[in-house]
PDB file of all heavy atoms in Angstrom:
ATOM      1  N   LEU A   1       0.837  -1.208   0.000  1.00  0.00           N
ATOM      2  CA  LEU A   1       0.000   0.000   0.000  1.00  0.00           C
ATOM      3  C   LEU A   1       0.872   1.258   0.000  1.00  0.00           C
ATOM      4  O   LEU A   1       0.588   2.220  -0.730  1.00  0.00           O
ATOM      5  CB  LEU A   1      -0.931   0.001   1.212  1.00  0.00           C
ATOM      6  CG  LEU A   1      -2.113  -0.964   1.150  1.00  0.00           C
ATOM      7  CD1 LEU A   1      -2.741  -1.142   2.527  1.00  0.00           C
ATOM      8  CD2 LEU A   1      -3.165  -0.461   0.154  1.00  0.00           C
ATOM      9  N   GLN A   2       1.935   1.246   0.814  1.00  0.00           N
ATOM     10  CA  GLN A   2       2.856   2.386   0.840  1.00  0.00           C
ATOM     11  C   GLN A   2       3.541   2.556  -0.507  1.00  0.00           C
ATOM     12  O   GLN A   2       3.703   3.684  -0.998  1.00  0.00           O
ATOM     13  CB  GLN A   2       3.889   2.196   1.939  1.00  0.00           C
ATOM     14  CG  GLN A   2       4.857   3.371   2.093  1.00  0.00           C
ATOM     15  CD  GLN A   2       4.155   4.663   2.433  1.00  0.00           C
ATOM     16  OE1 GLN A   2       3.478   4.750   3.453  1.00  0.00           O
ATOM     17  NE2 GLN A   2       4.292   5.677   1.577  1.00  0.00           N
ATOM     18  N   ASP A   3       3.942   1.438  -1.115  1.00  0.00           N
ATOM     19  CA  ASP A   3       4.573   1.501  -2.440  1.00  0.00           C
ATOM     20  C   ASP A   3       3.623   2.122  -3.469  1.00  0.00           C
ATOM     21  O   ASP A   3       4.048   2.914  -4.321  1.00  0.00           O
ATOM     22  CB  ASP A   3       4.980   0.099  -2.907  1.00  0.00           C
ATOM     23  CG  ASP A   3       6.165  -0.465  -2.118  1.00  0.00           C
ATOM     24  OD1 ASP A   3       6.867   0.327  -1.455  1.00  0.00           O
ATOM     25  OD2 ASP A   3       6.360  -1.694  -2.169  1.00  0.00           O
ATOM     26  N   LEU A   4       2.349   1.768  -3.390  1.00  0.00           N
ATOM     27  CA  LEU A   4       1.364   2.310  -4.330  1.00  0.00           C
ATOM     28  C   LEU A   4       1.191   3.814  -4.142  1.00  0.00           C
ATOM     29  O   LEU A   4       1.060   4.563  -5.117  1.00  0.00           O
ATOM     30  CB  LEU A   4       0.020   1.591  -4.167  1.00  0.00           C
ATOM     31  CG  LEU A   4      -0.018   0.157  -4.712  1.00  0.00           C
ATOM     32  CD1 LEU A   4      -1.254  -0.582  -4.205  1.00  0.00           C
ATOM     33  CD2 LEU A   4      -0.006   0.162  -6.244  1.00  0.00           C
ATOM     34  N   VAL A   5       1.194   4.256  -2.898  1.00  0.00           N
ATOM     35  CA  VAL A   5       1.101   5.700  -2.630  1.00  0.00           C
ATOM     36  C   VAL A   5       2.316   6.421  -3.206  1.00  0.00           C
ATOM     37  O   VAL A   5       2.194   7.498  -3.814  1.00  0.00           O
ATOM     38  CB  VAL A   5       0.976   5.954  -1.111  1.00  0.00           C
ATOM     39  CG1 VAL A   5       1.213   7.436  -0.786  1.00  0.00           C
ATOM     40  CG2 VAL A   5      -0.406   5.532  -0.622  1.00  0.00           C
ATOM     41  N   ASP A   6       3.493   5.831  -3.038  1.00  0.00           N
ATOM     42  CA  ASP A   6       4.711   6.426  -3.598  1.00  0.00           C
ATOM     43  C   ASP A   6       4.648   6.475  -5.126  1.00  0.00           C
ATOM     44  O   ASP A   6       5.063   7.466  -5.749  1.00  0.00           O
ATOM     45  CB  ASP A   6       5.937   5.622  -3.165  1.00  0.00           C
ATOM     46  CG  ASP A   6       6.193   5.706  -1.660  1.00  0.00           C
ATOM     47  OD1 ASP A   6       5.672   6.648  -1.020  1.00  0.00           O
ATOM     48  OD2 ASP A   6       6.894   4.814  -1.131  1.00  0.00           O
ATOM     49  N   LEU A   7       4.130   5.419  -5.730  1.00  0.00           N
ATOM     50  CA  LEU A   7       3.981   5.385  -7.192  1.00  0.00           C
ATOM     51  C   LEU A   7       2.994   6.454  -7.666  1.00  0.00           C
ATOM     52  O   LEU A   7       3.209   7.090  -8.711  1.00  0.00           O
ATOM     53  CB  LEU A   7       3.513   3.999  -7.643  1.00  0.00           C
ATOM     54  CG  LEU A   7       4.573   2.892  -7.586  1.00  0.00           C
ATOM     55  CD1 LEU A   7       3.929   1.523  -7.812  1.00  0.00           C
ATOM     56  CD2 LEU A   7       5.657   3.133  -8.643  1.00  0.00           C
ATOM     57  N   MET A   8       1.938   6.666  -6.892  1.00  0.00           N
ATOM     58  CA  MET A   8       0.974   7.709  -7.274  1.00  0.00           C
ATOM     59  C   MET A   8       1.582   9.095  -7.181  1.00  0.00           C
ATOM     60  O   MET A   8       1.284   9.979  -7.987  1.00  0.00           O
ATOM     61  CB  MET A   8      -0.297   7.591  -6.424  1.00  0.00           C
ATOM     62  CG  MET A   8      -1.211   6.459  -6.881  1.00  0.00           C
ATOM     63  SD  MET A   8      -2.812   6.382  -6.028  1.00  0.00           S
ATOM     64  CE  MET A   8      -2.355   5.445  -4.565  1.00  0.00           C
ATOM     65  N   ASP A   9       2.465   9.306  -6.210  1.00  0.00           N
ATOM     66  CA  ASP A   9       3.192  10.583  -6.147  1.00  0.00           C
ATOM     67  C   ASP A   9       4.010  10.797  -7.428  1.00  0.00           C
ATOM     68  O   ASP A   9       4.041  11.906  -7.988  1.00  0.00           O
ATOM     69  CB  ASP A   9       4.124  10.599  -4.931  1.00  0.00           C
ATOM     70  CG  ASP A   9       3.425  11.068  -3.668  1.00  0.00           C
ATOM     71  OD1 ASP A   9       2.407  11.772  -3.775  1.00  0.00           O
ATOM     72  OD2 ASP A   9       3.906  10.721  -2.563  1.00  0.00           O
ATOM     73  N   LYS A  10       4.663   9.729  -7.882  1.00  0.00           N
ATOM     74  CA  LYS A  10       5.450   9.816  -9.119  1.00  0.00           C
ATOM     75  C   LYS A  10       4.542  10.052 -10.332  1.00  0.00           C
ATOM     76  O   LYS A  10       4.882  10.822 -11.241  1.00  0.00           O
ATOM     77  CB  LYS A  10       6.267   8.545  -9.310  1.00  0.00           C
ATOM     78  CG  LYS A  10       7.372   8.374  -8.278  1.00  0.00           C
ATOM     79  CD  LYS A  10       8.131   7.063  -8.471  1.00  0.00           C
ATOM     80  CE  LYS A  10       9.211   6.892  -7.414  1.00  0.00           C
ATOM     81  NZ  LYS A  10       9.910   5.592  -7.530  1.00  0.00           N
ATOM     82  N   ASP A  11       3.385   9.386 -10.354  1.00  0.00           N
ATOM     83  CA  ASP A  11       2.434   9.583 -11.457  1.00  0.00           C
ATOM     84  C   ASP A  11       1.978  11.041 -11.535  1.00  0.00           C
ATOM     85  O   ASP A  11       1.839  11.605 -12.627  1.00  0.00           O
ATOM     86  CB  ASP A  11       1.197   8.685 -11.260  1.00  0.00           C
ATOM     87  CG  ASP A  11       1.522   7.211 -11.353  1.00  0.00           C
ATOM     88  OD1 ASP A  11       2.505   6.858 -12.031  1.00  0.00           O
ATOM     89  OD2 ASP A  11       0.788   6.405 -10.752  1.00  0.00           O
ATOM     90  N   ILE A  12       1.748  11.631 -10.372  1.00  0.00           N
ATOM     91  CA  ILE A  12       1.313  13.030 -10.325  1.00  0.00           C
ATOM     92  C   ILE A  12       2.405  13.939 -10.892  1.00  0.00           C
ATOM     93  O   ILE A  12       2.131  14.846 -11.689  1.00  0.00           O
ATOM     94  CB  ILE A  12       0.957  13.434  -8.876  1.00  0.00           C
ATOM     95  CG1 ILE A  12      -0.299  12.684  -8.419  1.00  0.00           C
ATOM     96  CG2 ILE A  12       0.733  14.948  -8.778  1.00  0.00           C
ATOM     97  CD1 ILE A  12      -0.552  12.777  -6.921  1.00  0.00           C
ATOM     98  N   LYS A  13       3.658  13.700 -10.510  1.00  0.00           N
ATOM     99  CA  LYS A  13       4.764  14.522 -11.002  1.00  0.00           C
ATOM    100  C   LYS A  13       4.922  14.392 -12.516  1.00  0.00           C
ATOM    101  O   LYS A  13       5.267  15.349 -13.207  1.00  0.00           O
ATOM    102  CB  LYS A  13       6.070  14.118 -10.305  1.00  0.00           C
ATOM    103  CG  LYS A  13       6.125  14.538  -8.843  1.00  0.00           C
ATOM    104  CD  LYS A  13       7.427  14.100  -8.186  1.00  0.00           C
ATOM    105  CE  LYS A  13       7.464  14.497  -6.722  1.00  0.00           C
ATOM    106  NZ  LYS A  13       8.706  14.034  -6.042  1.00  0.00           N
ATOM    107  N   LYS A  14       4.661  13.176 -13.037  1.00  0.00           N
ATOM    108  CA  LYS A  14       4.783  12.924 -14.483  1.00  0.00           C
ATOM    109  C   LYS A  14       3.503  13.266 -15.237  1.00  0.00           C
ATOM    110  O   LYS A  14       3.480  13.195 -16.466  1.00  0.00           O
ATOM    111  CB  LYS A  14       5.139  11.454 -14.720  1.00  0.00           C
ATOM    112  CG  LYS A  14       6.524  11.064 -14.232  1.00  0.00           C
ATOM    113  CD  LYS A  14       6.896   9.665 -14.660  1.00  0.00           C
ATOM    114  CE  LYS A  14       6.039   8.612 -13.990  1.00  0.00           C
ATOM    115  NZ  LYS A  14       6.479   7.235 -14.325  1.00  0.00           N
ATOM    116  N   ASP A  15       2.450  13.639 -14.486  1.00  0.00           N
ATOM    117  CA  ASP A  15       1.147  13.933 -15.083  1.00  0.00           C
ATOM    118  C   ASP A  15       0.639  12.739 -15.898  1.00  0.00           C
ATOM    119  O   ASP A  15       0.082  12.893 -16.977  1.00  0.00           O
ATOM    120  CB  ASP A  15       1.233  15.180 -15.980  1.00  0.00           C
ATOM    121  CG  ASP A  15      -0.148  15.744 -16.304  1.00  0.00           C
ATOM    122  OD1 ASP A  15      -1.080  15.539 -15.512  1.00  0.00           O
ATOM    123  OD2 ASP A  15      -0.303  16.363 -17.380  1.00  0.00           O
ATOM    124  N   ASP A  16       0.820  11.558 -15.342  1.00  0.00           N
ATOM    125  CA  ASP A  16       0.393  10.323 -16.005  1.00  0.00           C
ATOM    126  C   ASP A  16      -0.878   9.826 -15.320  1.00  0.00           C
ATOM    127  O   ASP A  16      -0.835   9.029 -14.381  1.00  0.00           O
ATOM    128  CB  ASP A  16       1.503   9.268 -15.905  1.00  0.00           C
ATOM    129  CG  ASP A  16       1.197   8.031 -16.738  1.00  0.00           C
ATOM    130  OD1 ASP A  16       0.033   7.847 -17.143  1.00  0.00           O
ATOM    131  OD2 ASP A  16       2.141   7.241 -16.989  1.00  0.00           O
ATOM    132  N   MET A  17      -2.030  10.303 -15.819  1.00  0.00           N
ATOM    133  CA  MET A  17      -3.297   9.985 -15.172  1.00  0.00           C
ATOM    134  C   MET A  17      -3.711   8.533 -15.377  1.00  0.00           C
ATOM    135  O   MET A  17      -4.372   7.947 -14.528  1.00  0.00           O
ATOM    136  CB  MET A  17      -4.399  10.926 -15.661  1.00  0.00           C
ATOM    137  CG  MET A  17      -4.244  12.358 -15.168  1.00  0.00           C
ATOM    138  SD  MET A  17      -4.200  12.504 -13.360  1.00  0.00           S
ATOM    139  CE  MET A  17      -2.440  12.695 -13.035  1.00  0.00           C
ATOM    140  N   ASP A  18      -3.348   7.939 -16.506  1.00  0.00           N
ATOM    141  CA  ASP A  18      -3.683   6.526 -16.720  1.00  0.00           C
ATOM    142  C   ASP A  18      -2.987   5.650 -15.679  1.00  0.00           C
ATOM    143  O   ASP A  18      -3.595   4.747 -15.096  1.00  0.00           O
ATOM    144  CB  ASP A  18      -3.292   6.080 -18.127  1.00  0.00           C
ATOM    145  CG  ASP A  18      -4.222   6.634 -19.194  1.00  0.00           C
ATOM    146  OD1 ASP A  18      -5.376   6.945 -18.855  1.00  0.00           O
ATOM    147  OD2 ASP A  18      -3.793   6.755 -20.355  1.00  0.00           O
ATOM    148  N   SER A  19      -1.707   5.914 -15.457  1.00  0.00           N
ATOM    149  CA  SER A  19      -0.962   5.154 -14.464  1.00  0.00           C
ATOM    150  C   SER A  19      -1.500   5.433 -13.059  1.00  0.00           C
ATOM    151  O   SER A  19      -1.623   4.521 -12.231  1.00  0.00           O
ATOM    152  CB  SER A  19       0.526   5.506 -14.536  1.00  0.00           C
ATOM    153  OG  SER A  19       1.267   4.750 -13.611  1.00  0.00           O
ATOM    154  N   TYR A  20      -1.824   6.687 -12.794  1.00  0.00           N
ATOM    155  CA  TYR A  20      -2.381   7.049 -11.479  1.00  0.00           C
ATOM    156  C   TYR A  20      -3.681   6.289 -11.216  1.00  0.00           C
ATOM    157  O   TYR A  20      -3.877   5.735 -10.131  1.00  0.00           O
ATOM    158  CB  TYR A  20      -2.645   8.558 -11.391  1.00  0.00           C
ATOM    159  CG  TYR A  20      -3.226   8.967 -10.055  1.00  0.00           C
ATOM    160  CD1 TYR A  20      -2.406   9.361  -9.015  1.00  0.00           C
ATOM    161  CD2 TYR A  20      -4.604   8.918  -9.828  1.00  0.00           C
ATOM    162  CE1 TYR A  20      -2.926   9.709  -7.773  1.00  0.00           C
ATOM    163  CE2 TYR A  20      -5.130   9.251  -8.592  1.00  0.00           C
ATOM    164  CZ  TYR A  20      -4.295   9.647  -7.583  1.00  0.00           C
ATOM    165  OH  TYR A  20      -4.818   9.971  -6.353  1.00  0.00           O
ATOM    166  N   MET A  21      -4.567   6.253 -12.212  1.00  0.00           N
ATOM    167  CA  MET A  21      -5.850   5.562 -12.028  1.00  0.00           C
ATOM    168  C   MET A  21      -5.641   4.078 -11.763  1.00  0.00           C
ATOM    169  O   MET A  21      -6.336   3.473 -10.937  1.00  0.00           O
ATOM    170  CB  MET A  21      -6.758   5.783 -13.234  1.00  0.00           C
ATOM    171  CG  MET A  21      -7.308   7.196 -13.334  1.00  0.00           C
ATOM    172  SD  MET A  21      -8.622   7.376 -14.558  1.00  0.00           S
ATOM    173  CE  MET A  21      -7.734   6.996 -16.052  1.00  0.00           C
ATOM    174  N   ASN A  22      -4.678   3.483 -12.451  1.00  0.00           N
ATOM    175  CA  ASN A  22      -4.368   2.074 -12.242  1.00  0.00           C
ATOM    176  C   ASN A  22      -3.868   1.828 -10.816  1.00  0.00           C
ATOM    177  O   ASN A  22      -4.334   0.913 -10.125  1.00  0.00           O
ATOM    178  CB  ASN A  22      -3.317   1.616 -13.257  1.00  0.00           C
ATOM    179  CG  ASN A  22      -2.931   0.166 -13.088  1.00  0.00           C
ATOM    180  OD1 ASN A  22      -3.781  -0.708 -12.947  1.00  0.00           O
ATOM    181  ND2 ASN A  22      -1.641  -0.112 -13.103  1.00  0.00           N
ATOM    182  N   HIS A  23      -2.942   2.655 -10.361  1.00  0.00           N
ATOM    183  CA  HIS A  23      -2.412   2.488  -9.007  1.00  0.00           C
ATOM    184  C   HIS A  23      -3.474   2.814  -7.951  1.00  0.00           C
ATOM    185  O   HIS A  23      -3.522   2.178  -6.884  1.00  0.00           O
ATOM    186  CB  HIS A  23      -1.183   3.377  -8.812  1.00  0.00           C
ATOM    187  CG  HIS A  23      -0.005   2.944  -9.617  1.00  0.00           C
ATOM    188  ND1 HIS A  23       0.820   3.829 -10.300  1.00  0.00           N
ATOM    189  CD2 HIS A  23       0.494   1.698  -9.884  1.00  0.00           C
ATOM    190  CE1 HIS A  23       1.768   3.152 -10.927  1.00  0.00           C
ATOM    191  NE2 HIS A  23       1.589   1.866 -10.691  1.00  0.00           N
ATOM    192  N   ASN A  24      -4.321   3.780  -8.240  1.00  0.00           N
ATOM    193  CA  ASN A  24      -5.394   4.140  -7.323  1.00  0.00           C
ATOM    194  C   ASN A  24      -6.368   2.976  -7.132  1.00  0.00           C
ATOM    195  O   ASN A  24      -6.778   2.658  -6.012  1.00  0.00           O
ATOM    196  CB  ASN A  24      -6.129   5.373  -7.850  1.00  0.00           C
ATOM    197  CG  ASN A  24      -7.211   5.854  -6.906  1.00  0.00           C
ATOM    198  OD1 ASN A  24      -6.959   6.111  -5.730  1.00  0.00           O
ATOM    199  ND2 ASN A  24      -8.427   5.977  -7.409  1.00  0.00           N
TER     200      ASN A  24
END
């Protein structure tokens, strides 16, 4: 769960909404 939150932070910085939605 912590890893997923960290990945979502990276998705936000990259403006990658598809990846963010997947991790979310």
